[in-house]
PDB file of all heavy atoms in Angstrom:
ATOM      1  N   GLY A   1       0.831  -1.200   0.000  1.00  0.00           N
ATOM      2  CA  GLY A   1       0.000   0.000   0.000  1.00  0.00           C
ATOM      3  C   GLY A   1       0.859   1.240   0.000  1.00  0.00           C
ATOM      4  O   GLY A   1       2.095   1.167  -0.033  1.00  0.00           O
ATOM      5  N   SER A   2       0.226   2.405   0.043  1.00  0.00           N
ATOM      6  CA  SER A   2       0.964   3.656   0.128  1.00  0.00           C
ATOM      7  C   SER A   2       1.532   3.810   1.536  1.00  0.00           C
ATOM      8  O   SER A   2       1.143   3.093   2.469  1.00  0.00           O
ATOM      9  CB  SER A   2       0.041   4.841  -0.182  1.00  0.00           C
ATOM     10  OG  SER A   2      -0.925   4.987   0.857  1.00  0.00           O
ATOM     11  N   SER A   3       2.445   4.765   1.702  1.00  0.00           N
ATOM     12  CA  SER A   3       2.998   5.009   3.038  1.00  0.00           C
ATOM     13  C   SER A   3       1.903   5.368   4.027  1.00  0.00           C
ATOM     14  O   SER A   3       1.889   4.890   5.166  1.00  0.00           O
ATOM     15  CB  SER A   3       4.051   6.131   2.985  1.00  0.00           C
ATOM     16  OG  SER A   3       5.214   5.693   2.324  1.00  0.00           O
ATOM     17  N   ASP A   4       0.947   6.189   3.593  1.00  0.00           N
ATOM     18  CA  ASP A   4      -0.139   6.582   4.490  1.00  0.00           C
ATOM     19  C   ASP A   4      -0.982   5.370   4.890  1.00  0.00           C
ATOM     20  O   ASP A   4      -1.427   5.262   6.042  1.00  0.00           O
ATOM     21  CB  ASP A   4      -1.017   7.651   3.830  1.00  0.00           C
ATOM     22  CG  ASP A   4      -0.298   8.987   3.693  1.00  0.00           C
ATOM     23  OD1 ASP A   4       0.673   9.219   4.443  1.00  0.00           O
ATOM     24  OD2 ASP A   4      -0.699   9.793   2.835  1.00  0.00           O
ATOM     25  N   ASP A   5      -1.217   4.457   3.944  1.00  0.00           N
ATOM     26  CA  ASP A   5      -1.944   3.224   4.275  1.00  0.00           C
ATOM     27  C   ASP A   5      -1.206   2.442   5.356  1.00  0.00           C
ATOM     28  O   ASP A   5      -1.810   1.933   6.318  1.00  0.00           O
ATOM     29  CB  ASP A   5      -2.077   2.323   3.040  1.00  0.00           C
ATOM     30  CG  ASP A   5      -2.988   2.904   1.982  1.00  0.00           C
ATOM     31  OD1 ASP A   5      -3.848   3.729   2.337  1.00  0.00           O
ATOM     32  OD2 ASP A   5      -2.831   2.542   0.797  1.00  0.00           O
ATOM     33  N   LEU A   6       0.117   2.320   5.190  1.00  0.00           N
ATOM     34  CA  LEU A   6       0.907   1.525   6.136  1.00  0.00           C
ATOM     35  C   LEU A   6       1.006   2.223   7.491  1.00  0.00           C
ATOM     36  O   LEU A   6       1.025   1.550   8.526  1.00  0.00           O
ATOM     37  CB  LEU A   6       2.296   1.263   5.562  1.00  0.00           C
ATOM     38  CG  LEU A   6       2.302   0.440   4.264  1.00  0.00           C
ATOM     39  CD1 LEU A   6       3.728   0.197   3.786  1.00  0.00           C
ATOM     40  CD2 LEU A   6       1.576  -0.889   4.444  1.00  0.00           C
ATOM     41  N   PHE A   7       1.074   3.557   7.498  1.00  0.00           N
ATOM     42  CA  PHE A   7       1.072   4.266   8.778  1.00  0.00           C
ATOM     43  C   PHE A   7      -0.202   3.958   9.556  1.00  0.00           C
ATOM     44  O   PHE A   7      -0.164   3.768  10.776  1.00  0.00           O
ATOM     45  CB  PHE A   7       1.183   5.784   8.559  1.00  0.00           C
ATOM     46  CG  PHE A   7       2.522   6.241   8.050  1.00  0.00           C
ATOM     47  CD1 PHE A   7       2.617   7.262   7.130  1.00  0.00           C
ATOM     48  CD2 PHE A   7       3.690   5.641   8.500  1.00  0.00           C
ATOM     49  CE1 PHE A   7       3.841   7.678   6.655  1.00  0.00           C
ATOM     50  CE2 PHE A   7       4.920   6.058   8.030  1.00  0.00           C
ATOM     51  CZ  PHE A   7       5.003   7.081   7.104  1.00  0.00           C
ATOM     52  N   GLU A   8      -1.322   3.908   8.857  1.00  0.00           N
ATOM     53  CA  GLU A   8      -2.591   3.601   9.521  1.00  0.00           C
ATOM     54  C   GLU A   8      -2.588   2.168  10.046  1.00  0.00           C
ATOM     55  O   GLU A   8      -3.064   1.904  11.154  1.00  0.00           O
ATOM     56  CB  GLU A   8      -3.759   3.808   8.547  1.00  0.00           C
ATOM     57  CG  GLU A   8      -5.136   3.566   9.160  1.00  0.00           C
ATOM     58  CD  GLU A   8      -5.395   4.432  10.382  1.00  0.00           C
ATOM     59  OE1 GLU A   8      -4.959   5.597  10.394  1.00  0.00           O
ATOM     60  OE2 GLU A   8      -6.025   3.932  11.340  1.00  0.00           O
ATOM     61  N   LYS A   9      -2.031   1.236   9.283  1.00  0.00           N
ATOM     62  CA  LYS A   9      -1.944  -0.150   9.748  1.00  0.00           C
ATOM     63  C   LYS A   9      -1.025  -0.259  10.964  1.00  0.00           C
ATOM     64  O   LYS A   9      -1.272  -1.060  11.874  1.00  0.00           O
ATOM     65  CB  LYS A   9      -1.449  -1.050   8.616  1.00  0.00           C
ATOM     66  CG  LYS A   9      -2.478  -1.312   7.522  1.00  0.00           C
ATOM     67  CD  LYS A   9      -1.921  -2.224   6.449  1.00  0.00           C
ATOM     68  CE  LYS A   9      -2.990  -2.657   5.455  1.00  0.00           C
ATOM     69  NZ  LYS A   9      -3.542  -1.537   4.675  1.00  0.00           N
ATOM     70  N   LEU A  10       0.040   0.538  10.998  1.00  0.00           N
ATOM     71  CA  LEU A  10       0.924   0.557  12.160  1.00  0.00           C
ATOM     72  C   LEU A  10       0.195   1.121  13.380  1.00  0.00           C
ATOM     73  O   LEU A  10       0.290   0.580  14.486  1.00  0.00           O
ATOM     74  CB  LEU A  10       2.170   1.392  11.869  1.00  0.00           C
ATOM     75  CG  LEU A  10       3.228   0.751  10.961  1.00  0.00           C
ATOM     76  CD1 LEU A  10       4.176   1.816  10.422  1.00  0.00           C
ATOM     77  CD2 LEU A  10       4.023  -0.306  11.719  1.00  0.00           C
ATOM     78  N   ARG A  11      -0.547   2.212  13.176  1.00  0.00           N
ATOM     79  CA  ARG A  11      -1.273   2.827  14.295  1.00  0.00           C
ATOM     80  C   ARG A  11      -2.335   1.882  14.851  1.00  0.00           C
ATOM     81  O   ARG A  11      -2.551   1.823  16.060  1.00  0.00           O
ATOM     82  CB  ARG A  11      -1.920   4.138  13.839  1.00  0.00           C
ATOM     83  CG  ARG A  11      -0.984   5.328  13.809  1.00  0.00           C
ATOM     84  CD  ARG A  11      -1.749   6.622  13.635  1.00  0.00           C
ATOM     85  NE  ARG A  11      -2.286   6.737  12.294  1.00  0.00           N
ATOM     86  CZ  ARG A  11      -1.653   7.317  11.272  1.00  0.00           C
ATOM     87  NH1 ARG A  11      -0.441   7.837  11.455  1.00  0.00           N
ATOM     88  NH2 ARG A  11      -2.208   7.382  10.081  1.00  0.00           N
ATOM     89  N   SER A  12      -2.995   1.135  13.959  1.00  0.00           N
ATOM     90  CA  SER A  12      -4.075   0.247  14.401  1.00  0.00           C
ATOM     91  C   SER A  12      -3.555  -1.071  14.959  1.00  0.00           C
ATOM     92  O   SER A  12      -4.316  -1.830  15.549  1.00  0.00           O
ATOM     93  CB  SER A  12      -5.022  -0.028  13.236  1.00  0.00           C
ATOM     94  OG  SER A  12      -4.377  -0.785  12.234  1.00  0.00           O
ATOM     95  N   GLY A  13      -2.256  -1.342  14.757  1.00  0.00           N
ATOM     96  CA  GLY A  13      -1.688  -2.586  15.257  1.00  0.00           C
ATOM     97  C   GLY A  13      -1.796  -3.763  14.303  1.00  0.00           C
ATOM     98  O   GLY A  13      -1.440  -4.884  14.664  1.00  0.00           O
ATOM     99  N   LEU A  14      -2.283  -3.521  13.068  1.00  0.00           N
ATOM    100  CA  LEU A  14      -2.365  -4.613  12.101  1.00  0.00           C
ATOM    101  C   LEU A  14      -0.973  -5.135  11.741  1.00  0.00           C
ATOM    102  O   LEU A  14      -0.801  -6.317  11.450  1.00  0.00           O
ATOM    103  CB  LEU A  14      -3.072  -4.146  10.834  1.00  0.00           C
ATOM    104  CG  LEU A  14      -4.596  -3.989  10.911  1.00  0.00           C
ATOM    105  CD1 LEU A  14      -5.131  -3.448   9.605  1.00  0.00           C
ATOM    106  CD2 LEU A  14      -5.255  -5.321  11.245  1.00  0.00           C
ATOM    107  N   ILE A  15      -0.003  -4.254  11.693  1.00  0.00           N
ATOM    108  CA  ILE A  15       1.392  -4.624  11.479  1.00  0.00           C
ATOM    109  C   ILE A  15       2.227  -3.870  12.499  1.00  0.00           C
ATOM    110  O   ILE A  15       1.796  -2.854  13.056  1.00  0.00           O
ATOM    111  CB  ILE A  15       1.884  -4.297  10.053  1.00  0.00           C
ATOM    112  CG1 ILE A  15       1.675  -2.803   9.752  1.00  0.00           C
ATOM    113  CG2 ILE A  15       1.202  -5.158   9.023  1.00  0.00           C
ATOM    114  CD1 ILE A  15       2.218  -2.370   8.413  1.00  0.00           C
ATOM    115  N   SER A  16       3.435  -4.352  12.754  1.00  0.00           N
ATOM    116  CA  SER A  16       4.333  -3.630  13.655  1.00  0.00           C
ATOM    117  C   SER A  16       5.642  -3.251  12.982  1.00  0.00           C
ATOM    118  O   SER A  16       6.446  -2.536  13.566  1.00  0.00           O
ATOM    119  CB  SER A  16       4.619  -4.470  14.910  1.00  0.00           C
ATOM    120  OG  SER A  16       5.033  -5.770  14.572  1.00  0.00           O
ATOM    121  N   LEU A  17       5.846  -3.737  11.727  1.00  0.00           N
ATOM    122  CA  LEU A  17       7.050  -3.423  10.966  1.00  0.00           C
ATOM    123  C   LEU A  17       6.629  -2.964   9.569  1.00  0.00           C
ATOM    124  O   LEU A  17       5.646  -3.445   9.026  1.00  0.00           O
ATOM    125  CB  LEU A  17       7.954  -4.649  10.827  1.00  0.00           C
ATOM    126  CG  LEU A  17       8.303  -5.444  12.082  1.00  0.00           C
ATOM    127  CD1 LEU A  17       9.089  -6.701  11.692  1.00  0.00           C
ATOM    128  CD2 LEU A  17       9.102  -4.599  13.061  1.00  0.00           C
ATOM    129  N   ALA A  18       7.410  -2.043   8.977  1.00  0.00           N
ATOM    130  CA  ALA A  18       7.081  -1.594   7.627  1.00  0.00           C
ATOM    131  C   ALA A  18       8.282  -0.900   6.994  1.00  0.00           C
ATOM    132  O   ALA A  18       9.170  -0.396   7.688  1.00  0.00           O
ATOM    133  CB  ALA A  18       5.884  -0.645   7.636  1.00  0.00           C
ATOM    134  N   VAL A  19       8.282  -0.888   5.666  1.00  0.00           N
ATOM    135  CA  VAL A  19       9.190  -0.036   4.900  1.00  0.00           C
ATOM    136  C   VAL A  19       8.327   1.025   4.236  1.00  0.00           C
ATOM    137  O   VAL A  19       7.396   0.698   3.487  1.00  0.00           O
ATOM    138  CB  VAL A  19       9.970  -0.832   3.836  1.00  0.00           C
ATOM    139  CG1 VAL A  19      10.852   0.103   3.014  1.00  0.00           C
ATOM    140  CG2 VAL A  19      10.819  -1.916   4.488  1.00  0.00           C
ATOM    141  N   VAL A  20       8.604   2.305   4.528  1.00  0.00           N
ATOM    142  CA  VAL A  20       7.801   3.422   4.037  1.00  0.00           C
ATOM    143  C   VAL A  20       8.729   4.458   3.428  1.00  0.00           C
ATOM    144  O   VAL A  20       9.955   4.337   3.480  1.00  0.00           O
ATOM    145  CB  VAL A  20       6.976   4.055   5.181  1.00  0.00           C
ATOM    146  CG1 VAL A  20       6.008   3.049   5.784  1.00  0.00           C
ATOM    147  CG2 VAL A  20       7.909   4.619   6.272  1.00  0.00           C
ATOM    148  N   THR A  21       8.143   5.506   2.868  1.00  0.00           N
ATOM    149  CA  THR A  21       8.935   6.625   2.379  1.00  0.00           C
ATOM    150  C   THR A  21       8.784   7.805   3.322  1.00  0.00           C
ATOM    151  O   THR A  21       7.747   7.981   3.971  1.00  0.00           O
ATOM    152  CB  THR A  21       8.504   7.044   0.963  1.00  0.00           C
ATOM    153  OG1 THR A  21       7.091   7.327   0.964  1.00  0.00           O
ATOM    154  CG2 THR A  21       8.793   5.940  -0.038  1.00  0.00           C
ATOM    155  N   ALA A  22       9.842   8.612   3.419  1.00  0.00           N
ATOM    156  CA  ALA A  22       9.812   9.805   4.245  1.00  0.00           C
ATOM    157  C   ALA A  22       8.850  10.825   3.616  1.00  0.00           C
ATOM    158  O   ALA A  22       8.614  10.800   2.412  1.00  0.00           O
ATOM    159  CB  ALA A  22      11.218  10.385   4.348  1.00  0.00           C
ATOM    160  N   PRO A  23       8.286  11.744   4.434  1.00  0.00           N
ATOM    161  CA  PRO A  23       8.461  11.874   5.883  1.00  0.00           C
ATOM    162  C   PRO A  23       7.574  10.893   6.651  1.00  0.00           C
ATOM    163  O   PRO A  23       6.714  10.242   6.064  1.00  0.00           O
ATOM    164  CB  PRO A  23       8.019  13.313   6.144  1.00  0.00           C
ATOM    165  CG  PRO A  23       6.970  13.564   5.101  1.00  0.00           C
ATOM    166  CD  PRO A  23       7.446  12.818   3.871  1.00  0.00           C
ATOM    167  N   TYR A  24       7.798  10.825   7.964  1.00  0.00           N
ATOM    168  CA  TYR A  24       7.049   9.904   8.804  1.00  0.00           C
ATOM    169  C   TYR A  24       6.887  10.524  10.191  1.00  0.00           C
ATOM    170  O   TYR A  24       7.486  11.561  10.494  1.00  0.00           O
ATOM    171  CB  TYR A  24       7.779   8.559   8.917  1.00  0.00           C
ATOM    172  CG  TYR A  24       9.077   8.640   9.707  1.00  0.00           C
ATOM    173  CD1 TYR A  24       9.138   8.187  11.019  1.00  0.00           C
ATOM    174  CD2 TYR A  24      10.227   9.191   9.149  1.00  0.00           C
ATOM    175  CE1 TYR A  24      10.310   8.274  11.757  1.00  0.00           C
ATOM    176  CE2 TYR A  24      11.396   9.289   9.877  1.00  0.00           C
ATOM    177  CZ  TYR A  24      11.441   8.835  11.175  1.00  0.00           C
ATOM    178  OH  TYR A  24      12.592   8.939  11.901  1.00  0.00           O
ATOM    179  N   ASP A  25       6.075   9.891  11.033  1.00  0.00           N
ATOM    180  CA  ASP A  25       5.793  10.387  12.381  1.00  0.00           C
ATOM    181  C   ASP A  25       6.916   9.964  13.324  1.00  0.00           C
ATOM    182  O   ASP A  25       6.969   8.827  13.780  1.00  0.00           O
ATOM    183  CB  ASP A  25       4.450   9.826  12.865  1.00  0.00           C
ATOM    184  CG  ASP A  25       3.985  10.441  14.176  1.00  0.00           C
ATOM    185  OD1 ASP A  25       4.845  10.968  14.920  1.00  0.00           O
ATOM    186  OD2 ASP A  25       2.781  10.377  14.475  1.00  0.00           O
ATOM    187  N   GLN A  26       7.842  10.891  13.615  1.00  0.00           N
ATOM    188  CA  GLN A  26       8.990  10.562  14.449  1.00  0.00           C
ATOM    189  C   GLN A  26       8.611  10.361  15.908  1.00  0.00           C
ATOM    190  O   GLN A  26       9.396   9.790  16.680  1.00  0.00           O
ATOM    191  CB  GLN A  26      10.054  11.652  14.321  1.00  0.00           C
ATOM    192  CG  GLN A  26      10.567  11.810  12.899  1.00  0.00           C
ATOM    193  CD  GLN A  26      11.678  12.824  12.785  1.00  0.00           C
ATOM    194  OE1 GLN A  26      12.544  12.929  13.651  1.00  0.00           O
ATOM    195  NE2 GLN A  26      11.670  13.598  11.707  1.00  0.00           N
TER     196      GLN A  26
END
């Protein structure tokens, strides 16, 4: 998915690891 999609999956706990593109929530 897009980086924003994966950030949402990280926030919801669906995944705990990801490769995304910058910028990100530090």
